[in-house]
Amino acid sequence: MGLTFDDAAAKVKTLKTSPSNEELLELYALFKQGTVGDNNTAKPGFLDLKGKAKWAAWDEKKGTSQDAAKTAYVALVEKLITKYGV
């Protein structure tokens, strides 16, 4: 498909079916790593389960370059478009 990062970020919002929770966490983590870089935020509190899952997914990408994260994000979006359609 050859999407750019910005195109992929827009297209992922138009998927016909919502990705799985695991796919959503991976999308989130790659997007944050690609746009912000390494996670340098405080870990969410004990009761914030969704926040903790997102934080942990992003934290696992620590050390990945922003360009590599953007490339992986685009590849994942392209895979999800094929899987779920737009």
PDB file of N, CA and C in Angstrom:
ATOM      1  N   MET A   1       0.798  -1.193   0.000  1.00  0.00           N
ATOM      2  CA  MET A   1       0.000   0.000   0.000  1.00  0.00           C
ATOM      3  C   MET A   1       0.845   1.265   0.000  1.00  0.00           C
ATOM      4  N   GLY A   2       1.919   1.266   0.758  1.00  0.00           N
ATOM      5  CA  GLY A   2       2.813   2.412   0.773  1.00  0.00           C
ATOM      6  C   GLY A   2       2.253   3.634   1.492  1.00  0.00           C
ATOM      7  N   LEU A   3       1.562   3.445   2.594  1.00  0.00           N
ATOM      8  CA  LEU A   3       1.021   4.558   3.359  1.00  0.00           C
ATOM      9  C   LEU A   3       2.125   5.320   4.069  1.00  0.00           C
ATOM     10  N   THR A   4       1.914   6.623   4.260  1.00  0.00           N
ATOM     11  CA  THR A   4       2.800   7.390   5.128  1.00  0.00           C
ATOM     12  C   THR A   4       2.304   7.205   6.560  1.00  0.00           C
ATOM     13  N   PHE A   5       3.088   7.633   7.514  1.00  0.00           N
ATOM     14  CA  PHE A   5       2.696   7.527   8.919  1.00  0.00           C
ATOM     15  C   PHE A   5       1.385   8.275   9.166  1.00  0.00           C
ATOM     16  N   ASP A   6       1.287   9.499   8.657  1.00  0.00           N
ATOM     17  CA  ASP A   6       0.076  10.296   8.861  1.00  0.00           C
ATOM     18  C   ASP A   6      -1.134   9.657   8.184  1.00  0.00           C
ATOM     19  N   ASP A   7      -0.938   9.111   6.978  1.00  0.00           N
ATOM     20  CA  ASP A   7      -2.027   8.411   6.284  1.00  0.00           C
ATOM     21  C   ASP A   7      -2.497   7.213   7.108  1.00  0.00           C
ATOM     22  N   ALA A   8      -1.532   6.466   7.646  1.00  0.00           N
ATOM     23  CA  ALA A   8      -1.864   5.278   8.441  1.00  0.00           C
ATOM     24  C   ALA A   8      -2.644   5.678   9.695  1.00  0.00           C
ATOM     25  N   ALA A   9      -2.220   6.774  10.345  1.00  0.00           N
ATOM     26  CA  ALA A   9      -2.908   7.235  11.556  1.00  0.00           C
ATOM     27  C   ALA A   9      -4.356   7.618  11.249  1.00  0.00           C
ATOM     28  N   ALA A  10      -4.605   8.149  10.065  1.00  0.00           N
ATOM     29  CA  ALA A  10      -5.973   8.510   9.675  1.00  0.00           C
ATOM     30  C   ALA A  10      -6.762   7.271   9.260  1.00  0.00           C
ATOM     31  N   LYS A  11      -6.141   6.391   8.491  1.00  0.00           N
ATOM     32  CA  LYS A  11      -6.829   5.204   7.970  1.00  0.00           C
ATOM     33  C   LYS A  11      -7.250   4.247   9.075  1.00  0.00           C
ATOM     34  N   VAL A  12      -6.449   4.127  10.109  1.00  0.00           N
ATOM     35  CA  VAL A  12      -6.751   3.158  11.172  1.00  0.00           C
ATOM     36  C   VAL A  12      -8.085   3.494  11.843  1.00  0.00           C
ATOM     37  N   LYS A  13      -8.479   4.754  11.784  1.00  0.00           N
ATOM     38  CA  LYS A  13      -9.748   5.171  12.385  1.00  0.00           C
ATOM     39  C   LYS A  13     -10.952   4.778  11.534  1.00  0.00           C
ATOM     40  N   THR A  14     -10.696   4.297  10.296  1.00  0.00           N
ATOM     41  CA  THR A  14     -11.795   3.967   9.385  1.00  0.00           C
ATOM     42  C   THR A  14     -11.967   2.464   9.189  1.00  0.00           C
ATOM     43  N   LEU A  15     -11.300   1.656  10.014  1.00  0.00           N
ATOM     44  CA  LEU A  15     -11.434   0.199   9.880  1.00  0.00           C
ATOM     45  C   LEU A  15     -12.885  -0.216  10.085  1.00  0.00           C
ATOM     46  N   LYS A  16     -13.336  -1.180   9.301  1.00  0.00           N
ATOM     47  CA  LYS A  16     -14.723  -1.644   9.392  1.00  0.00           C
ATOM     48  C   LYS A  16     -15.005  -2.355  10.711  1.00  0.00           C
ATOM     49  N   THR A  17     -14.001  -3.017  11.259  1.00  0.00           N
ATOM     50  CA  THR A  17     -14.129  -3.741  12.517  1.00  0.00           C
ATOM     51  C   THR A  17     -13.031  -3.255  13.451  1.00  0.00           C
ATOM     52  N   SER A  18     -13.356  -3.133  14.718  1.00  0.00           N
ATOM     53  CA  SER A  18     -12.359  -2.701  15.695  1.00  0.00           C
ATOM     54  C   SER A  18     -11.318  -3.796  15.907  1.00  0.00           C
ATOM     55  N   PRO A  19     -10.045  -3.429  15.897  1.00  0.00           N
ATOM     56  CA  PRO A  19      -8.992  -4.420  16.186  1.00  0.00           C
ATOM     57  C   PRO A  19      -9.121  -4.983  17.598  1.00  0.00           C
ATOM     58  N   SER A  20      -8.452  -6.103  17.833  1.00  0.00           N
ATOM     59  CA  SER A  20      -8.443  -6.716  19.166  1.00  0.00           C
ATOM     60  C   SER A  20      -7.744  -5.797  20.160  1.00  0.00           C
ATOM     61  N   ASN A  21      -7.934  -6.071  21.437  1.00  0.00           N
ATOM     62  CA  ASN A  21      -7.253  -5.268  22.468  1.00  0.00           C
ATOM     63  C   ASN A  21      -5.748  -5.310  22.305  1.00  0.00           C
ATOM     64  N   GLU A  22      -5.201  -6.479  21.968  1.00  0.00           N
ATOM     65  CA  GLU A  22      -3.754  -6.610  21.776  1.00  0.00           C
ATOM     66  C   GLU A  22      -3.293  -5.750  20.597  1.00  0.00           C
ATOM     67  N   GLU A  23      -4.064  -5.772  19.510  1.00  0.00           N
ATOM     68  CA  GLU A  23      -3.714  -4.957  18.345  1.00  0.00           C
ATOM     69  C   GLU A  23      -3.819  -3.471  18.676  1.00  0.00           C
ATOM     70  N   LEU A  24      -4.844  -3.101  19.431  1.00  0.00           N
ATOM     71  CA  LEU A  24      -4.996  -1.700  19.825  1.00  0.00           C
ATOM     72  C   LEU A  24      -3.839  -1.234  20.698  1.00  0.00           C
ATOM     73  N   LEU A  25      -3.400  -2.082  21.629  1.00  0.00           N
ATOM     74  CA  LEU A  25      -2.259  -1.727  22.481  1.00  0.00           C
ATOM     75  C   LEU A  25      -0.992  -1.570  21.651  1.00  0.00           C
ATOM     76  N   GLU A  26      -0.802  -2.455  20.673  1.00  0.00           N
ATOM     77  CA  GLU A  26       0.381  -2.362  19.811  1.00  0.00           C
ATOM     78  C   GLU A  26       0.330  -1.084  18.978  1.00  0.00           C
ATOM     79  N   LEU A  27      -0.830  -0.762  18.437  1.00  0.00           N
ATOM     80  CA  LEU A  27      -0.993   0.490  17.688  1.00  0.00           C
ATOM     81  C   LEU A  27      -0.652   1.687  18.574  1.00  0.00           C
ATOM     82  N   TYR A  28      -1.208   1.692  19.779  1.00  0.00           N
ATOM     83  CA  TYR A  28      -0.969   2.788  20.711  1.00  0.00           C
ATOM     84  C   TYR A  28       0.523   2.935  21.015  1.00  0.00           C
ATOM     85  N   ALA A  29       1.149   1.820  21.343  1.00  0.00           N
ATOM     86  CA  ALA A  29       2.558   1.853  21.732  1.00  0.00           C
ATOM     87  C   ALA A  29       3.442   2.340  20.584  1.00  0.00           C
ATOM     88  N   LEU A  30       3.202   1.837  19.382  1.00  0.00           N
ATOM     89  CA  LEU A  30       4.012   2.261  18.236  1.00  0.00           C
ATOM     90  C   LEU A  30       3.754   3.724  17.886  1.00  0.00           C
ATOM     91  N   PHE A  31       2.505   4.168  17.988  1.00  0.00           N
ATOM     92  CA  PHE A  31       2.185   5.565  17.713  1.00  0.00           C
ATOM     93  C   PHE A  31       2.900   6.477  18.704  1.00  0.00           C
ATOM     94  N   LYS A  32       2.798   6.151  19.995  1.00  0.00           N
ATOM     95  CA  LYS A  32       3.447   6.979  21.018  1.00  0.00           C
ATOM     96  C   LYS A  32       4.970   6.981  20.855  1.00  0.00           C
ATOM     97  N   GLN A  33       5.544   5.800  20.580  1.00  0.00           N
ATOM     98  CA  GLN A  33       6.995   5.718  20.407  1.00  0.00           C
ATOM     99  C   GLN A  33       7.413   6.520  19.169  1.00  0.00           C
ATOM    100  N   GLY A  34       6.606   6.456  18.117  1.00  0.00           N
ATOM    101  CA  GLY A  34       6.926   7.169  16.883  1.00  0.00           C
ATOM    102  C   GLY A  34       6.769   8.670  16.985  1.00  0.00           C
ATOM    103  N   THR A  35       5.853   9.133  17.825  1.00  0.00           N
ATOM    104  CA  THR A  35       5.614  10.569  17.919  1.00  0.00           C
ATOM    105  C   THR A  35       6.290  11.227  19.115  1.00  0.00           C
ATOM    106  N   VAL A  36       6.452  10.486  20.209  1.00  0.00           N
ATOM    107  CA  VAL A  36       7.015  11.064  21.437  1.00  0.00           C
ATOM    108  C   VAL A  36       8.418  10.541  21.716  1.00  0.00           C
ATOM    109  N   GLY A  37       8.658   9.273  21.406  1.00  0.00           N
ATOM    110  CA  GLY A  37       9.920   8.629  21.759  1.00  0.00           C
ATOM    111  C   GLY A  37       9.715   7.768  22.992  1.00  0.00           C
ATOM    112  N   ASP A  38      10.795   7.520  23.722  1.00  0.00           N
ATOM    113  CA  ASP A  38      10.718   6.649  24.898  1.00  0.00           C
ATOM    114  C   ASP A  38       9.729   7.184  25.935  1.00  0.00           C
ATOM    115  N   ASN A  39       9.037   6.250  26.571  1.00  0.00           N
ATOM    116  CA  ASN A  39       8.081   6.574  27.624  1.00  0.00           C
ATOM    117  C   ASN A  39       8.829   7.152  28.814  1.00  0.00           C
ATOM    118  N   ASN A  40       8.504   8.388  29.166  1.00  0.00           N
ATOM    119  CA  ASN A  40       9.136   9.019  30.328  1.00  0.00           C
ATOM    120  C   ASN A  40       8.067   9.534  31.288  1.00  0.00           C
ATOM    121  N   THR A  41       6.883   8.917  31.226  1.00  0.00           N
ATOM    122  CA  THR A  41       5.784   9.323  32.103  1.00  0.00           C
ATOM    123  C   THR A  41       5.717   8.400  33.320  1.00  0.00           C
ATOM    124  N   ALA A  42       5.075   8.871  34.350  1.00  0.00           N
ATOM    125  CA  ALA A  42       4.905   8.059  35.564  1.00  0.00           C
ATOM    126  C   ALA A  42       3.918   6.933  35.288  1.00  0.00           C
ATOM    127  N   LYS A  43       4.178   5.784  35.887  1.00  0.00           N
ATOM    128  CA  LYS A  43       3.276   4.645  35.735  1.00  0.00           C
ATOM    129  C   LYS A  43       1.941   4.970  36.395  1.00  0.00           C
ATOM    130  N   PRO A  44       0.834   4.694  35.697  1.00  0.00           N
ATOM    131  CA  PRO A  44      -0.487   4.980  36.280  1.00  0.00           C
ATOM    132  C   PRO A  44      -0.718   4.210  37.580  1.00  0.00           C
ATOM    133  N   GLY A  45      -1.677   4.684  38.340  1.00  0.00           N
ATOM    134  CA  GLY A  45      -2.000   4.081  39.627  1.00  0.00           C
ATOM    135  C   GLY A  45      -2.552   2.672  39.526  1.00  0.00           C
ATOM    136  N   PHE A  46      -2.581   2.009  40.638  1.00  0.00           N
ATOM    137  CA  PHE A  46      -2.977   0.614  40.757  1.00  0.00           C
ATOM    138  C   PHE A  46      -4.351   0.332  40.166  1.00  0.00           C
ATOM    139  N   LEU A  47      -5.306   1.234  40.334  1.00  0.00           N
ATOM    140  CA  LEU A  47      -6.674   0.988  39.890  1.00  0.00           C
ATOM    141  C   LEU A  47      -6.916   1.349  38.428  1.00  0.00           C
ATOM    142  N   ASP A  48      -5.966   2.007  37.796  1.00  0.00           N
ATOM    143  CA  ASP A  48      -6.118   2.401  36.391  1.00  0.00           C
ATOM    144  C   ASP A  48      -5.603   1.277  35.489  1.00  0.00           C
ATOM    145  N   LEU A  49      -6.405   0.245  35.323  1.00  0.00           N
ATOM    146  CA  LEU A  49      -5.963  -0.933  34.575  1.00  0.00           C
ATOM    147  C   LEU A  49      -5.710  -0.625  33.102  1.00  0.00           C
ATOM    148  N   LYS A  50      -6.602   0.125  32.485  1.00  0.00           N
ATOM    149  CA  LYS A  50      -6.425   0.478  31.072  1.00  0.00           C
ATOM    150  C   LYS A  50      -5.178   1.345  30.891  1.00  0.00           C
ATOM    151  N   GLY A  51      -5.023   2.333  31.756  1.00  0.00           N
ATOM    152  CA  GLY A  51      -3.855   3.203  31.693  1.00  0.00           C
ATOM    153  C   GLY A  51      -2.562   2.437  31.895  1.00  0.00           C
ATOM    154  N   LYS A  52      -2.577   1.488  32.830  1.00  0.00           N
ATOM    155  CA  LYS A  52      -1.377   0.679  33.078  1.00  0.00           C
ATOM    156  C   LYS A  52      -1.033  -0.186  31.875  1.00  0.00           C
ATOM    157  N   ALA A  53      -2.051  -0.752  31.220  1.00  0.00           N
ATOM    158  CA  ALA A  53      -1.807  -1.592  30.041  1.00  0.00           C
ATOM    159  C   ALA A  53      -1.205  -0.764  28.912  1.00  0.00           C
ATOM    160  N   LYS A  54      -1.741   0.421  28.706  1.00  0.00           N
ATOM    161  CA  LYS A  54      -1.216   1.303  27.654  1.00  0.00           C
ATOM    162  C   LYS A  54       0.209   1.743  27.989  1.00  0.00           C
ATOM    163  N   TRP A  55       0.442   2.109  29.255  1.00  0.00           N
ATOM    164  CA  TRP A  55       1.761   2.544  29.689  1.00  0.00           C
ATOM    165  C   TRP A  55       2.783   1.428  29.476  1.00  0.00           C
ATOM    166  N   ALA A  56       2.419   0.198  29.878  1.00  0.00           N
ATOM    167  CA  ALA A  56       3.333  -0.942  29.762  1.00  0.00           C
ATOM    168  C   ALA A  56       3.627  -1.264  28.293  1.00  0.00           C
ATOM    169  N   ALA A  57       2.612  -1.189  27.446  1.00  0.00           N
ATOM    170  CA  ALA A  57       2.816  -1.468  26.016  1.00  0.00           C
ATOM    171  C   ALA A  57       3.790  -0.463  25.417  1.00  0.00           C
ATOM    172  N   TRP A  58       3.618   0.811  25.766  1.00  0.00           N
ATOM    173  CA  TRP A  58       4.527   1.840  25.269  1.00  0.00           C
ATOM    174  C   TRP A  58       5.916   1.653  25.858  1.00  0.00           C
ATOM    175  N   ASP A  59       5.997   1.353  27.150  1.00  0.00           N
ATOM    176  CA  ASP A  59       7.286   1.192  27.813  1.00  0.00           C
ATOM    177  C   ASP A  59       8.100   0.048  27.203  1.00  0.00           C
ATOM    178  N   GLU A  60       7.415  -0.971  26.672  1.00  0.00           N
ATOM    179  CA  GLU A  60       8.112  -2.095  26.028  1.00  0.00           C
ATOM    180  C   GLU A  60       8.843  -1.670  24.763  1.00  0.00           C
ATOM    181  N   LYS A  61       8.485  -0.544  24.191  1.00  0.00           N
ATOM    182  CA  LYS A  61       9.116  -0.043  22.963  1.00  0.00           C
ATOM    183  C   LYS A  61      10.347   0.808  23.257  1.00  0.00           C
ATOM    184  N   LYS A  62      10.659   0.985  24.532  1.00  0.00           N
ATOM    185  CA  LYS A  62      11.796   1.826  24.921  1.00  0.00           C
ATOM    186  C   LYS A  62      13.053   1.399  24.161  1.00  0.00           C
ATOM    187  N   GLY A  63      13.735   2.369  23.607  1.00  0.00           N
ATOM    188  CA  GLY A  63      14.961   2.104  22.855  1.00  0.00           C
ATOM    189  C   GLY A  63      14.727   1.967  21.360  1.00  0.00           C
ATOM    190  N   THR A  64      13.463   1.820  20.938  1.00  0.00           N
ATOM    191  CA  THR A  64      13.146   1.758  19.510  1.00  0.00           C
ATOM    192  C   THR A  64      13.190   3.183  18.965  1.00  0.00           C
ATOM    193  N   SER A  65      13.864   3.383  17.849  1.00  0.00           N
ATOM    194  CA  SER A  65      13.915   4.727  17.279  1.00  0.00           C
ATOM    195  C   SER A  65      12.535   5.151  16.816  1.00  0.00           C
ATOM    196  N   GLN A  66      12.316   6.450  16.752  1.00  0.00           N
ATOM    197  CA  GLN A  66      11.023   6.960  16.312  1.00  0.00           C
ATOM    198  C   GLN A  66      10.745   6.534  14.865  1.00  0.00           C
ATOM    199  N   ASP A  67      11.768   6.558  14.022  1.00  0.00           N
ATOM    200  CA  ASP A  67      11.569   6.137  12.628  1.00  0.00           C
ATOM    201  C   ASP A  67      11.187   4.665  12.535  1.00  0.00           C
ATOM    202  N   ALA A  68      11.848   3.812  13.324  1.00  0.00           N
ATOM    203  CA  ALA A  68      11.534   2.380  13.310  1.00  0.00           C
ATOM    204  C   ALA A  68      10.111   2.143  13.831  1.00  0.00           C
ATOM    205  N   ALA A  69       9.707   2.891  14.847  1.00  0.00           N
ATOM    206  CA  ALA A  69       8.351   2.751  15.390  1.00  0.00           C
ATOM    207  C   ALA A  69       7.320   3.191  14.356  1.00  0.00           C
ATOM    208  N   LYS A  70       7.597   4.272  13.640  1.00  0.00           N
ATOM    209  CA  LYS A  70       6.670   4.739  12.606  1.00  0.00           C
ATOM    210  C   LYS A  70       6.545   3.710  11.483  1.00  0.00           C
ATOM    211  N   THR A  71       7.667   3.126  11.087  1.00  0.00           N
ATOM    212  CA  THR A  71       7.649   2.104  10.041  1.00  0.00           C
ATOM    213  C   THR A  71       6.840   0.891  10.496  1.00  0.00           C
ATOM    214  N   ALA A  72       7.031   0.462  11.731  1.00  0.00           N
ATOM    215  CA  ALA A  72       6.293  -0.683  12.271  1.00  0.00           C
ATOM    216  C   ALA A  72       4.804  -0.349  12.396  1.00  0.00           C
ATOM    217  N   TYR A  73       4.494   0.886  12.763  1.00  0.00           N
ATOM    218  CA  TYR A  73       3.101   1.321  12.883  1.00  0.00           C
ATOM    219  C   TYR A  73       2.410   1.237  11.521  1.00  0.00           C
ATOM    220  N   VAL A  74       3.047   1.769  10.486  1.00  0.00           N
ATOM    221  CA  VAL A  74       2.475   1.740   9.141  1.00  0.00           C
ATOM    222  C   VAL A  74       2.261   0.299   8.694  1.00  0.00           C
ATOM    223  N   ALA A  75       3.241  -0.569   8.943  1.00  0.00           N
ATOM    224  CA  ALA A  75       3.117  -1.978   8.554  1.00  0.00           C
ATOM    225  C   ALA A  75       1.949  -2.639   9.275  1.00  0.00           C
ATOM    226  N   LEU A  76       1.775  -2.335  10.564  1.00  0.00           N
ATOM    227  CA  LEU A  76       0.672  -2.917  11.322  1.00  0.00           C
ATOM    228  C   LEU A  76      -0.669  -2.399  10.798  1.00  0.00           C
ATOM    229  N   VAL A  77      -0.768  -1.117  10.506  1.00  0.00           N
ATOM    230  CA  VAL A  77      -2.011  -0.566   9.971  1.00  0.00           C
ATOM    231  C   VAL A  77      -2.342  -1.211   8.629  1.00  0.00           C
ATOM    232  N   GLU A  78      -1.336  -1.389   7.779  1.00  0.00           N
ATOM    233  CA  GLU A  78      -1.570  -2.036   6.486  1.00  0.00           C
ATOM    234  C   GLU A  78      -2.084  -3.464   6.679  1.00  0.00           C
ATOM    235  N   LYS A  79      -1.523  -4.166   7.650  1.00  0.00           N
ATOM    236  CA  LYS A  79      -1.971  -5.531   7.962  1.00  0.00           C
ATOM    237  C   LYS A  79      -3.420  -5.521   8.455  1.00  0.00           C
ATOM    238  N   LEU A  80      -3.749  -4.557   9.310  1.00  0.00           N
ATOM    239  CA  LEU A  80      -5.108  -4.462   9.849  1.00  0.00           C
ATOM    240  C   LEU A  80      -6.114  -4.069   8.771  1.00  0.00           C
ATOM    241  N   ILE A  81      -5.709  -3.241   7.820  1.00  0.00           N
ATOM    242  CA  ILE A  81      -6.586  -2.870   6.708  1.00  0.00           C
ATOM    243  C   ILE A  81      -6.911  -4.112   5.897  1.00  0.00           C
ATOM    244  N   THR A  82      -5.904  -4.943   5.648  1.00  0.00           N
ATOM    245  CA  THR A  82      -6.127  -6.173   4.925  1.00  0.00           C
ATOM    246  C   THR A  82      -7.036  -7.117   5.711  1.00  0.00           C
ATOM    247  N   LYS A  83      -6.842  -7.167   7.020  1.00  0.00           N
ATOM    248  CA  LYS A  83      -7.603  -8.069   7.877  1.00  0.00           C
ATOM    249  C   LYS A  83      -9.059  -7.608   8.083  1.00  0.00           C
ATOM    250  N   TYR A  84      -9.249  -6.305   8.337  1.00  0.00           N
ATOM    251  CA  TYR A  84     -10.547  -5.792   8.725  1.00  0.00           C
ATOM    252  C   TYR A  84     -11.254  -4.952   7.646  1.00  0.00           C
ATOM    253  N   GLY A  85     -10.498  -4.451   6.678  1.00  0.00           N
ATOM    254  CA  GLY A  85     -11.086  -3.588   5.654  1.00  0.00           C
ATOM    255  C   GLY A  85     -11.322  -2.179   6.166  1.00  0.00           C
ATOM    256  N   VAL A  86     -11.497  -1.249   5.209  1.00  0.00           N
ATOM    257  CA  VAL A  86     -11.781   0.158   5.576  1.00  0.00           C
ATOM    258  C   VAL A  86     -13.062   0.606   4.892  1.00  0.00           C
TER     259      VAL A  86
END
